[in-house]
Amino acid sequence: MTDQKTELEAAAFRALIHHLMVKRPDVQNIDLMNLGGFCRNCLSRWYQEAAAERGIEMTKDEAREVVYGMPYADWVAQNQTEADAAKKAAFDVAFAQNVGPKG
């Protein structure tokens, strides 16, 4: 079941990435973090960390391109909107709780 489990997990990951890239690019990262405790940047960081654990060198930008389906700056220009003060304050709390202190 190990190989099958890995294949199923990979398929679920691809479906999540597709959903965020194609079906719901309008969902802002700040809303994902505030409600779910993770965002697209978290996914890309986890992807990069998984690569590093397997001896694969990958930059933050390369990992983000996997998750965003394009260079990060392009995605931001096309999809990101300005967050209000309340969302930014909630983000600071969610980030500290789920990722750690900003540094």
PDB file of N, CA and C in Angstrom:
ATOM      1  N   MET A   1       0.817  -1.199   0.000  1.00  0.00           N
ATOM      2  CA  MET A   1       0.000   0.000   0.000  1.00  0.00           C
ATOM      3  C   MET A   1       0.860   1.263   0.000  1.00  0.00           C
ATOM      4  N   THR A   2       2.140   1.163   0.372  1.00  0.00           N
ATOM      5  CA  THR A   2       2.986   2.350   0.465  1.00  0.00           C
ATOM      6  C   THR A   2       3.082   3.077  -0.865  1.00  0.00           C
ATOM      7  N   ASP A   3       3.391   2.365  -1.965  1.00  0.00           N
ATOM      8  CA  ASP A   3       3.483   3.009  -3.270  1.00  0.00           C
ATOM      9  C   ASP A   3       2.128   3.579  -3.675  1.00  0.00           C
ATOM     10  N   GLN A   4       1.087   2.830  -3.425  1.00  0.00           N
ATOM     11  CA  GLN A   4      -0.260   3.279  -3.768  1.00  0.00           C
ATOM     12  C   GLN A   4      -0.637   4.514  -2.944  1.00  0.00           C
ATOM     13  N   LYS A   5      -0.293   4.509  -1.670  1.00  0.00           N
ATOM     14  CA  LYS A   5      -0.579   5.647  -0.800  1.00  0.00           C
ATOM     15  C   LYS A   5       0.151   6.883  -1.309  1.00  0.00           C
ATOM     16  N   THR A   6       1.412   6.732  -1.682  1.00  0.00           N
ATOM     17  CA  THR A   6       2.188   7.845  -2.206  1.00  0.00           C
ATOM     18  C   THR A   6       1.563   8.386  -3.491  1.00  0.00           C
ATOM     19  N   GLU A   7       1.124   7.488  -4.355  1.00  0.00           N
ATOM     20  CA  GLU A   7       0.461   7.917  -5.596  1.00  0.00           C
ATOM     21  C   GLU A   7      -0.824   8.673  -5.295  1.00  0.00           C
ATOM     22  N   LEU A   8      -1.605   8.206  -4.340  1.00  0.00           N
ATOM     23  CA  LEU A   8      -2.849   8.881  -3.975  1.00  0.00           C
ATOM     24  C   LEU A   8      -2.571  10.245  -3.355  1.00  0.00           C
ATOM     25  N   GLU A   9      -1.575  10.307  -2.493  1.00  0.00           N
ATOM     26  CA  GLU A   9      -1.208  11.588  -1.887  1.00  0.00           C
ATOM     27  C   GLU A   9      -0.731  12.575  -2.953  1.00  0.00           C
ATOM     28  N   ALA A  10       0.059  12.092  -3.898  1.00  0.00           N
ATOM     29  CA  ALA A  10       0.541  12.957  -4.982  1.00  0.00           C
ATOM     30  C   ALA A  10      -0.627  13.456  -5.832  1.00  0.00           C
ATOM     31  N   ALA A  11      -1.579  12.582  -6.111  1.00  0.00           N
ATOM     32  CA  ALA A  11      -2.748  12.981  -6.897  1.00  0.00           C
ATOM     33  C   ALA A  11      -3.568  14.024  -6.145  1.00  0.00           C
ATOM     34  N   ALA A  12      -3.721  13.844  -4.845  1.00  0.00           N
ATOM     35  CA  ALA A  12      -4.465  14.815  -4.040  1.00  0.00           C
ATOM     36  C   ALA A  12      -3.734  16.159  -4.013  1.00  0.00           C
ATOM     37  N   PHE A  13      -2.419  16.135  -3.920  1.00  0.00           N
ATOM     38  CA  PHE A  13      -1.632  17.370  -3.952  1.00  0.00           C
ATOM     39  C   PHE A  13      -1.809  18.077  -5.296  1.00  0.00           C
ATOM     40  N   ARG A  14      -1.736  17.318  -6.389  1.00  0.00           N
ATOM     41  CA  ARG A  14      -1.928  17.920  -7.709  1.00  0.00           C
ATOM     42  C   ARG A  14      -3.326  18.524  -7.843  1.00  0.00           C
ATOM     43  N   ALA A  15      -4.325  17.863  -7.275  1.00  0.00           N
ATOM     44  CA  ALA A  15      -5.691  18.393  -7.326  1.00  0.00           C
ATOM     45  C   ALA A  15      -5.796  19.689  -6.516  1.00  0.00           C
ATOM     46  N   LEU A  16      -5.151  19.743  -5.373  1.00  0.00           N
ATOM     47  CA  LEU A  16      -5.151  20.960  -4.557  1.00  0.00           C
ATOM     48  C   LEU A  16      -4.473  22.105  -5.305  1.00  0.00           C
ATOM     49  N   ILE A  17      -3.323  21.847  -5.893  1.00  0.00           N
ATOM     50  CA  ILE A  17      -2.606  22.876  -6.651  1.00  0.00           C
ATOM     51  C   ILE A  17      -3.465  23.353  -7.824  1.00  0.00           C
ATOM     52  N   HIS A  18      -4.078  22.427  -8.542  1.00  0.00           N
ATOM     53  CA  HIS A  18      -4.936  22.789  -9.667  1.00  0.00           C
ATOM     54  C   HIS A  18      -6.116  23.647  -9.189  1.00  0.00           C
ATOM     55  N   HIS A  19      -6.700  23.250  -8.098  1.00  0.00           N
ATOM     56  CA  HIS A  19      -7.830  23.997  -7.551  1.00  0.00           C
ATOM     57  C   HIS A  19      -7.424  25.432  -7.228  1.00  0.00           C
ATOM     58  N   LEU A  20      -6.283  25.598  -6.562  1.00  0.00           N
ATOM     59  CA  LEU A  20      -5.832  26.938  -6.185  1.00  0.00           C
ATOM     60  C   LEU A  20      -5.358  27.753  -7.385  1.00  0.00           C
ATOM     61  N   MET A  21      -4.754  27.097  -8.382  1.00  0.00           N
ATOM     62  CA  MET A  21      -4.216  27.810  -9.543  1.00  0.00           C
ATOM     63  C   MET A  21      -5.301  28.143 -10.556  1.00  0.00           C
ATOM     64  N   VAL A  22      -6.167  27.179 -10.838  1.00  0.00           N
ATOM     65  CA  VAL A  22      -7.097  27.303 -11.958  1.00  0.00           C
ATOM     66  C   VAL A  22      -8.502  27.683 -11.502  1.00  0.00           C
ATOM     67  N   LYS A  23      -9.010  26.956 -10.541  1.00  0.00           N
ATOM     68  CA  LYS A  23     -10.397  27.177 -10.143  1.00  0.00           C
ATOM     69  C   LYS A  23     -10.567  28.353  -9.192  1.00  0.00           C
ATOM     70  N   ARG A  24      -9.581  28.594  -8.318  1.00  0.00           N
ATOM     71  CA  ARG A  24      -9.745  29.629  -7.301  1.00  0.00           C
ATOM     72  C   ARG A  24      -8.515  30.521  -7.124  1.00  0.00           C
ATOM     73  N   PRO A  25      -7.980  31.073  -8.213  1.00  0.00           N
ATOM     74  CA  PRO A  25      -6.859  32.004  -8.045  1.00  0.00           C
ATOM     75  C   PRO A  25      -7.293  33.279  -7.319  1.00  0.00           C
ATOM     76  N   ASP A  26      -8.611  33.504  -7.226  1.00  0.00           N
ATOM     77  CA  ASP A  26      -9.135  34.678  -6.532  1.00  0.00           C
ATOM     78  C   ASP A  26      -9.011  34.576  -5.020  1.00  0.00           C
ATOM     79  N   VAL A  27      -8.847  33.367  -4.500  1.00  0.00           N
ATOM     80  CA  VAL A  27      -8.706  33.205  -3.056  1.00  0.00           C
ATOM     81  C   VAL A  27      -7.325  33.732  -2.662  1.00  0.00           C
ATOM     82  N   GLN A  28      -7.334  34.720  -1.822  1.00  0.00           N
ATOM     83  CA  GLN A  28      -6.105  35.386  -1.432  1.00  0.00           C
ATOM     84  C   GLN A  28      -5.337  34.547  -0.407  1.00  0.00           C
ATOM     85  N   ASN A  29      -4.010  34.603  -0.489  1.00  0.00           N
ATOM     86  CA  ASN A  29      -3.168  33.889   0.469  1.00  0.00           C
ATOM     87  C   ASN A  29      -3.463  34.313   1.903  1.00  0.00           C
ATOM     88  N   ILE A  30      -3.711  35.592   2.109  1.00  0.00           N
ATOM     89  CA  ILE A  30      -3.967  36.073   3.466  1.00  0.00           C
ATOM     90  C   ILE A  30      -5.233  35.428   4.032  1.00  0.00           C
ATOM     91  N   ASP A  31      -6.239  35.213   3.176  1.00  0.00           N
ATOM     92  CA  ASP A  31      -7.462  34.552   3.636  1.00  0.00           C
ATOM     93  C   ASP A  31      -7.211  33.076   3.940  1.00  0.00           C
ATOM     94  N   LEU A  32      -6.414  32.418   3.095  1.00  0.00           N
ATOM     95  CA  LEU A  32      -6.049  31.021   3.377  1.00  0.00           C
ATOM     96  C   LEU A  32      -5.333  30.914   4.718  1.00  0.00           C
ATOM     97  N   MET A  33      -4.368  31.800   4.953  1.00  0.00           N
ATOM     98  CA  MET A  33      -3.608  31.751   6.209  1.00  0.00           C
ATOM     99  C   MET A  33      -4.506  32.064   7.396  1.00  0.00           C
ATOM    100  N   ASN A  34      -5.322  33.088   7.256  1.00  0.00           N
ATOM    101  CA  ASN A  34      -6.170  33.484   8.382  1.00  0.00           C
ATOM    102  C   ASN A  34      -7.199  32.419   8.738  1.00  0.00           C
ATOM    103  N   LEU A  35      -7.728  31.729   7.735  1.00  0.00           N
ATOM    104  CA  LEU A  35      -8.758  30.722   7.994  1.00  0.00           C
ATOM    105  C   LEU A  35      -8.201  29.310   8.160  1.00  0.00           C
ATOM    106  N   GLY A  36      -7.183  28.978   7.367  1.00  0.00           N
ATOM    107  CA  GLY A  36      -6.689  27.609   7.362  1.00  0.00           C
ATOM    108  C   GLY A  36      -5.334  27.388   8.016  1.00  0.00           C
ATOM    109  N   GLY A  37      -4.631  28.481   8.296  1.00  0.00           N
ATOM    110  CA  GLY A  37      -3.319  28.339   8.922  1.00  0.00           C
ATOM    111  C   GLY A  37      -2.217  27.979   7.942  1.00  0.00           C
ATOM    112  N   PHE A  38      -2.483  28.080   6.645  1.00  0.00           N
ATOM    113  CA  PHE A  38      -1.480  27.852   5.620  1.00  0.00           C
ATOM    114  C   PHE A  38      -1.894  28.617   4.375  1.00  0.00           C
ATOM    115  N   CYS A  39      -0.941  28.804   3.465  1.00  0.00           N
ATOM    116  CA  CYS A  39      -1.251  29.473   2.201  1.00  0.00           C
ATOM    117  C   CYS A  39      -0.399  28.847   1.095  1.00  0.00           C
ATOM    118  N   ARG A  40      -0.473  29.410  -0.078  1.00  0.00           N
ATOM    119  CA  ARG A  40       0.306  28.893  -1.204  1.00  0.00           C
ATOM    120  C   ARG A  40       1.805  28.955  -0.900  1.00  0.00           C
ATOM    121  N   ASN A  41       2.233  30.010  -0.204  1.00  0.00           N
ATOM    122  CA  ASN A  41       3.650  30.105   0.141  1.00  0.00           C
ATOM    123  C   ASN A  41       4.062  28.982   1.085  1.00  0.00           C
ATOM    124  N   CYS A  42       3.173  28.609   1.994  1.00  0.00           N
ATOM    125  CA  CYS A  42       3.453  27.468   2.880  1.00  0.00           C
ATOM    126  C   CYS A  42       3.609  26.192   2.060  1.00  0.00           C
ATOM    127  N   LEU A  43       2.685  25.977   1.113  1.00  0.00           N
ATOM    128  CA  LEU A  43       2.773  24.793   0.250  1.00  0.00           C
ATOM    129  C   LEU A  43       4.106  24.762  -0.489  1.00  0.00           C
ATOM    130  N   SER A  44       4.518  25.909  -1.007  1.00  0.00           N
ATOM    131  CA  SER A  44       5.784  25.931  -1.748  1.00  0.00           C
ATOM    132  C   SER A  44       6.965  25.685  -0.816  1.00  0.00           C
ATOM    133  N   ARG A  45       6.889  26.204   0.407  1.00  0.00           N
ATOM    134  CA  ARG A  45       7.961  25.951   1.378  1.00  0.00           C
ATOM    135  C   ARG A  45       8.011  24.474   1.728  1.00  0.00           C
ATOM    136  N   TRP A  46       6.858  23.840   1.934  1.00  0.00           N
ATOM    137  CA  TRP A  46       6.820  22.411   2.244  1.00  0.00           C
ATOM    138  C   TRP A  46       7.379  21.601   1.076  1.00  0.00           C
ATOM    139  N   TYR A  47       7.075  22.027  -0.133  1.00  0.00           N
ATOM    140  CA  TYR A  47       7.585  21.350  -1.331  1.00  0.00           C
ATOM    141  C   TYR A  47       9.114  21.464  -1.380  1.00  0.00           C
ATOM    142  N   GLN A  48       9.616  22.657  -1.126  1.00  0.00           N
ATOM    143  CA  GLN A  48      11.069  22.879  -1.118  1.00  0.00           C
ATOM    144  C   GLN A  48      11.732  22.060  -0.014  1.00  0.00           C
ATOM    145  N   GLU A  49      11.124  22.017   1.153  1.00  0.00           N
ATOM    146  CA  GLU A  49      11.672  21.230   2.267  1.00  0.00           C
ATOM    147  C   GLU A  49      11.683  19.741   1.934  1.00  0.00           C
ATOM    148  N   ALA A  50      10.635  19.255   1.278  1.00  0.00           N
ATOM    149  CA  ALA A  50      10.584  17.843   0.873  1.00  0.00           C
ATOM    150  C   ALA A  50      11.692  17.548  -0.129  1.00  0.00           C
ATOM    151  N   ALA A  51      11.925  18.476  -1.037  1.00  0.00           N
ATOM    152  CA  ALA A  51      13.019  18.297  -2.005  1.00  0.00           C
ATOM    153  C   ALA A  51      14.356  18.236  -1.269  1.00  0.00           C
ATOM    154  N   ALA A  52      14.582  19.155  -0.347  1.00  0.00           N
ATOM    155  CA  ALA A  52      15.851  19.195   0.397  1.00  0.00           C
ATOM    156  C   ALA A  52      16.070  17.910   1.183  1.00  0.00           C
ATOM    157  N   GLU A  53      15.000  17.368   1.775  1.00  0.00           N
ATOM    158  CA  GLU A  53      15.103  16.115   2.532  1.00  0.00           C
ATOM    159  C   GLU A  53      15.542  14.955   1.645  1.00  0.00           C
ATOM    160  N   ARG A  54      15.306  15.085   0.355  1.00  0.00           N
ATOM    161  CA  ARG A  54      15.667  14.040  -0.598  1.00  0.00           C
ATOM    162  C   ARG A  54      16.925  14.385  -1.384  1.00  0.00           C
ATOM    163  N   GLY A  55      17.640  15.425  -0.929  1.00  0.00           N
ATOM    164  CA  GLY A  55      18.890  15.807  -1.564  1.00  0.00           C
ATOM    165  C   GLY A  55      18.729  16.550  -2.878  1.00  0.00           C
ATOM    166  N   ILE A  56      17.544  17.096  -3.113  1.00  0.00           N
ATOM    167  CA  ILE A  56      17.278  17.832  -4.348  1.00  0.00           C
ATOM    168  C   ILE A  56      17.367  19.322  -4.034  1.00  0.00           C
ATOM    169  N   GLU A  57      18.250  20.000  -4.741  1.00  0.00           N
ATOM    170  CA  GLU A  57      18.382  21.446  -4.543  1.00  0.00           C
ATOM    171  C   GLU A  57      17.256  22.156  -5.273  1.00  0.00           C
ATOM    172  N   MET A  58      16.598  23.062  -4.566  1.00  0.00           N
ATOM    173  CA  MET A  58      15.495  23.815  -5.159  1.00  0.00           C
ATOM    174  C   MET A  58      15.438  25.166  -4.463  1.00  0.00           C
ATOM    175  N   THR A  59      15.352  26.214  -5.238  1.00  0.00           N
ATOM    176  CA  THR A  59      15.232  27.544  -4.659  1.00  0.00           C
ATOM    177  C   THR A  59      13.788  27.820  -4.255  1.00  0.00           C
ATOM    178  N   LYS A  60      13.615  28.851  -3.448  1.00  0.00           N
ATOM    179  CA  LYS A  60      12.275  29.278  -3.062  1.00  0.00           C
ATOM    180  C   LYS A  60      11.468  29.643  -4.304  1.00  0.00           C
ATOM    181  N   ASP A  61      12.102  30.339  -5.242  1.00  0.00           N
ATOM    182  CA  ASP A  61      11.400  30.732  -6.467  1.00  0.00           C
ATOM    183  C   ASP A  61      10.977  29.524  -7.301  1.00  0.00           C
ATOM    184  N   GLU A  62      11.836  28.510  -7.377  1.00  0.00           N
ATOM    185  CA  GLU A  62      11.485  27.294  -8.130  1.00  0.00           C
ATOM    186  C   GLU A  62      10.304  26.583  -7.475  1.00  0.00           C
ATOM    187  N   ALA A  63      10.315  26.491  -6.166  1.00  0.00           N
ATOM    188  CA  ALA A  63       9.216  25.834  -5.454  1.00  0.00           C
ATOM    189  C   ALA A  63       7.924  26.630  -5.614  1.00  0.00           C
ATOM    190  N   ARG A  64       8.023  27.939  -5.536  1.00  0.00           N
ATOM    191  CA  ARG A  64       6.825  28.764  -5.709  1.00  0.00           C
ATOM    192  C   ARG A  64       6.249  28.607  -7.115  1.00  0.00           C
ATOM    193  N   GLU A  65       7.101  28.469  -8.109  1.00  0.00           N
ATOM    194  CA  GLU A  65       6.592  28.311  -9.469  1.00  0.00           C
ATOM    195  C   GLU A  65       5.816  27.007  -9.620  1.00  0.00           C
ATOM    196  N   VAL A  66       6.213  25.964  -8.889  1.00  0.00           N
ATOM    197  CA  VAL A  66       5.460  24.704  -8.903  1.00  0.00           C
ATOM    198  C   VAL A  66       4.049  24.939  -8.364  1.00  0.00           C
ATOM    199  N   VAL A  67       3.949  25.664  -7.276  1.00  0.00           N
ATOM    200  CA  VAL A  67       2.663  25.877  -6.613  1.00  0.00           C
ATOM    201  C   VAL A  67       1.808  26.915  -7.332  1.00  0.00           C
ATOM    202  N   TYR A  68       2.434  27.981  -7.806  1.00  0.00           N
ATOM    203  CA  TYR A  68       1.690  29.067  -8.449  1.00  0.00           C
ATOM    204  C   TYR A  68       1.466  28.835  -9.943  1.00  0.00           C
ATOM    205  N   GLY A  69       2.231  27.937 -10.535  1.00  0.00           N
ATOM    206  CA  GLY A  69       2.087  27.659 -11.954  1.00  0.00           C
ATOM    207  C   GLY A  69       2.684  28.738 -12.845  1.00  0.00           C
ATOM    208  N   MET A  70       3.412  29.649 -12.231  1.00  0.00           N
ATOM    209  CA  MET A  70       4.052  30.759 -12.940  1.00  0.00           C
ATOM    210  C   MET A  70       4.995  31.424 -11.945  1.00  0.00           C
ATOM    211  N   PRO A  71       5.857  32.299 -12.406  1.00  0.00           N
ATOM    212  CA  PRO A  71       6.685  33.025 -11.435  1.00  0.00           C
ATOM    213  C   PRO A  71       5.801  33.761 -10.416  1.00  0.00           C
ATOM    214  N   TYR A  72       6.238  33.762  -9.186  1.00  0.00           N
ATOM    215  CA  TYR A  72       5.468  34.350  -8.091  1.00  0.00           C
ATOM    216  C   TYR A  72       5.071  35.798  -8.378  1.00  0.00           C
ATOM    217  N   ALA A  73       6.006  36.595  -8.874  1.00  0.00           N
ATOM    218  CA  ALA A  73       5.722  38.002  -9.158  1.00  0.00           C
ATOM    219  C   ALA A  73       4.597  38.151 -10.179  1.00  0.00           C
ATOM    220  N   ASP A  74       4.554  37.248 -11.157  1.00  0.00           N
ATOM    221  CA  ASP A  74       3.481  37.287 -12.152  1.00  0.00           C
ATOM    222  C   ASP A  74       2.133  36.979 -11.511  1.00  0.00           C
ATOM    223  N   TRP A  75       2.108  35.970 -10.632  1.00  0.00           N
ATOM    224  CA  TRP A  75       0.863  35.612  -9.958  1.00  0.00           C
ATOM    225  C   TRP A  75       0.379  36.777  -9.098  1.00  0.00           C
ATOM    226  N   VAL A  76       1.299  37.390  -8.355  1.00  0.00           N
ATOM    227  CA  VAL A  76       0.927  38.526  -7.508  1.00  0.00           C
ATOM    228  C   VAL A  76       0.322  39.641  -8.356  1.00  0.00           C
ATOM    229  N   ALA A  77       0.972  39.966  -9.474  1.00  0.00           N
ATOM    230  CA  ALA A  77       0.488  41.036 -10.342  1.00  0.00           C
ATOM    231  C   ALA A  77      -0.904  40.723 -10.908  1.00  0.00           C
ATOM    232  N   GLN A  78      -1.166  39.458 -11.199  1.00  0.00           N
ATOM    233  CA  GLN A  78      -2.438  39.062 -11.811  1.00  0.00           C
ATOM    234  C   GLN A  78      -3.566  38.845 -10.801  1.00  0.00           C
ATOM    235  N   ASN A  79      -3.223  38.426  -9.587  1.00  0.00           N
ATOM    236  CA  ASN A  79      -4.254  37.921  -8.675  1.00  0.00           C
ATOM    237  C   ASN A  79      -4.328  38.557  -7.296  1.00  0.00           C
ATOM    238  N   GLN A  80      -3.252  39.111  -6.804  1.00  0.00           N
ATOM    239  CA  GLN A  80      -3.250  39.561  -5.415  1.00  0.00           C
ATOM    240  C   GLN A  80      -3.887  40.939  -5.278  1.00  0.00           C
ATOM    241  N   THR A  81      -4.711  41.081  -4.261  1.00  0.00           N
ATOM    242  CA  THR A  81      -5.341  42.355  -3.952  1.00  0.00           C
ATOM    243  C   THR A  81      -4.810  42.859  -2.613  1.00  0.00           C
ATOM    244  N   GLU A  82      -4.988  44.129  -2.369  1.00  0.00           N
ATOM    245  CA  GLU A  82      -4.533  44.722  -1.103  1.00  0.00           C
ATOM    246  C   GLU A  82      -5.449  44.275   0.031  1.00  0.00           C
ATOM    247  N   ALA A  83      -4.845  43.890   1.139  1.00  0.00           N
ATOM    248  CA  ALA A  83      -5.612  43.465   2.312  1.00  0.00           C
ATOM    249  C   ALA A  83      -5.831  44.662   3.234  1.00  0.00           C
ATOM    250  N   ASP A  84      -6.970  44.647   3.903  1.00  0.00           N
ATOM    251  CA  ASP A  84      -7.248  45.728   4.854  1.00  0.00           C
ATOM    252  C   ASP A  84      -6.507  45.473   6.165  1.00  0.00           C
ATOM    253  N   ALA A  85      -6.549  46.458   7.051  1.00  0.00           N
ATOM    254  CA  ALA A  85      -5.801  46.390   8.312  1.00  0.00           C
ATOM    255  C   ALA A  85      -6.235  45.210   9.176  1.00  0.00           C
ATOM    256  N   ALA A  86      -7.520  44.911   9.191  1.00  0.00           N
ATOM    257  CA  ALA A  86      -8.017  43.794  10.015  1.00  0.00           C
ATOM    258  C   ALA A  86      -7.461  42.460   9.516  1.00  0.00           C
ATOM    259  N   LYS A  87      -7.435  42.271   8.192  1.00  0.00           N
ATOM    260  CA  LYS A  87      -6.881  41.026   7.646  1.00  0.00           C
ATOM    261  C   LYS A  87      -5.388  40.927   7.927  1.00  0.00           C
ATOM    262  N   LYS A  88      -4.686  42.049   7.832  1.00  0.00           N
ATOM    263  CA  LYS A  88      -3.245  42.054   8.107  1.00  0.00           C
ATOM    264  C   LYS A  88      -2.966  41.714   9.567  1.00  0.00           C
ATOM    265  N   ALA A  89      -3.765  42.246  10.469  1.00  0.00           N
ATOM    266  CA  ALA A  89      -3.594  41.941  11.894  1.00  0.00           C
ATOM    267  C   ALA A  89      -3.885  40.470  12.165  1.00  0.00           C
ATOM    268  N   ALA A  90      -4.953  39.945  11.567  1.00  0.00           N
ATOM    269  CA  ALA A  90      -5.284  38.526  11.737  1.00  0.00           C
ATOM    270  C   ALA A  90      -4.182  37.646  11.151  1.00  0.00           C
ATOM    271  N   PHE A  91      -3.591  38.087  10.039  1.00  0.00           N
ATOM    272  CA  PHE A  91      -2.495  37.341   9.421  1.00  0.00           C
ATOM    273  C   PHE A  91      -1.304  37.247  10.369  1.00  0.00           C
ATOM    274  N   ASP A  92      -0.955  38.343  11.020  1.00  0.00           N
ATOM    275  CA  ASP A  92       0.179  38.318  11.949  1.00  0.00           C
ATOM    276  C   ASP A  92      -0.034  37.267  13.036  1.00  0.00           C
ATOM    277  N   VAL A  93      -1.257  37.161  13.537  1.00  0.00           N
ATOM    278  CA  VAL A  93      -1.582  36.160  14.559  1.00  0.00           C
ATOM    279  C   VAL A  93      -1.501  34.759  13.958  1.00  0.00           C
ATOM    280  N   ALA A  94      -2.139  34.550  12.808  1.00  0.00           N
ATOM    281  CA  ALA A  94      -2.146  33.226  12.177  1.00  0.00           C
ATOM    282  C   ALA A  94      -0.741  32.784  11.799  1.00  0.00           C
ATOM    283  N   PHE A  95       0.062  33.712  11.284  1.00  0.00           N
ATOM    284  CA  PHE A  95       1.426  33.376  10.902  1.00  0.00           C
ATOM    285  C   PHE A  95       2.224  32.933  12.122  1.00  0.00           C
ATOM    286  N   ALA A  96       2.124  33.692  13.219  1.00  0.00           N
ATOM    287  CA  ALA A  96       2.848  33.346  14.446  1.00  0.00           C
ATOM    288  C   ALA A  96       2.426  31.986  14.991  1.00  0.00           C
ATOM    289  N   GLN A  97       1.129  31.703  14.915  1.00  0.00           N
ATOM    290  CA  GLN A  97       0.617  30.438  15.440  1.00  0.00           C
ATOM    291  C   GLN A  97       0.993  29.244  14.570  1.00  0.00           C
ATOM    292  N   ASN A  98       1.048  29.438  13.262  1.00  0.00           N
ATOM    293  CA  ASN A  98       1.202  28.315  12.339  1.00  0.00           C
ATOM    294  C   ASN A  98       2.579  28.183  11.704  1.00  0.00           C
ATOM    295  N   VAL A  99       3.291  29.276  11.609  1.00  0.00           N
ATOM    296  CA  VAL A  99       4.609  29.240  10.960  1.00  0.00           C
ATOM    297  C   VAL A  99       5.702  29.552  11.962  1.00  0.00           C
ATOM    298  N   GLY A 100       5.514  30.567  12.754  1.00  0.00           N
ATOM    299  CA  GLY A 100       6.498  30.980  13.749  1.00  0.00           C
ATOM    300  C   GLY A 100       6.695  32.472  13.673  1.00  0.00           C
ATOM    301  N   PRO A 101       7.542  32.988  14.539  1.00  0.00           N
ATOM    302  CA  PRO A 101       7.770  34.431  14.525  1.00  0.00           C
ATOM    303  C   PRO A 101       8.360  34.900  13.203  1.00  0.00           C
ATOM    304  N   LYS A 102       7.914  36.062  12.752  1.00  0.00           N
ATOM    305  CA  LYS A 102       8.484  36.620  11.512  1.00  0.00           C
ATOM    306  C   LYS A 102       9.927  36.999  11.798  1.00  0.00           C
ATOM    307  N   GLY A 103      10.756  36.739  10.805  1.00  0.00           N
ATOM    308  CA  GLY A 103      12.161  37.037  11.045  1.00  0.00           C
ATOM    309  C   GLY A 103      12.907  37.448   9.860  1.00  0.00           C
TER     310      GLY A 103
END
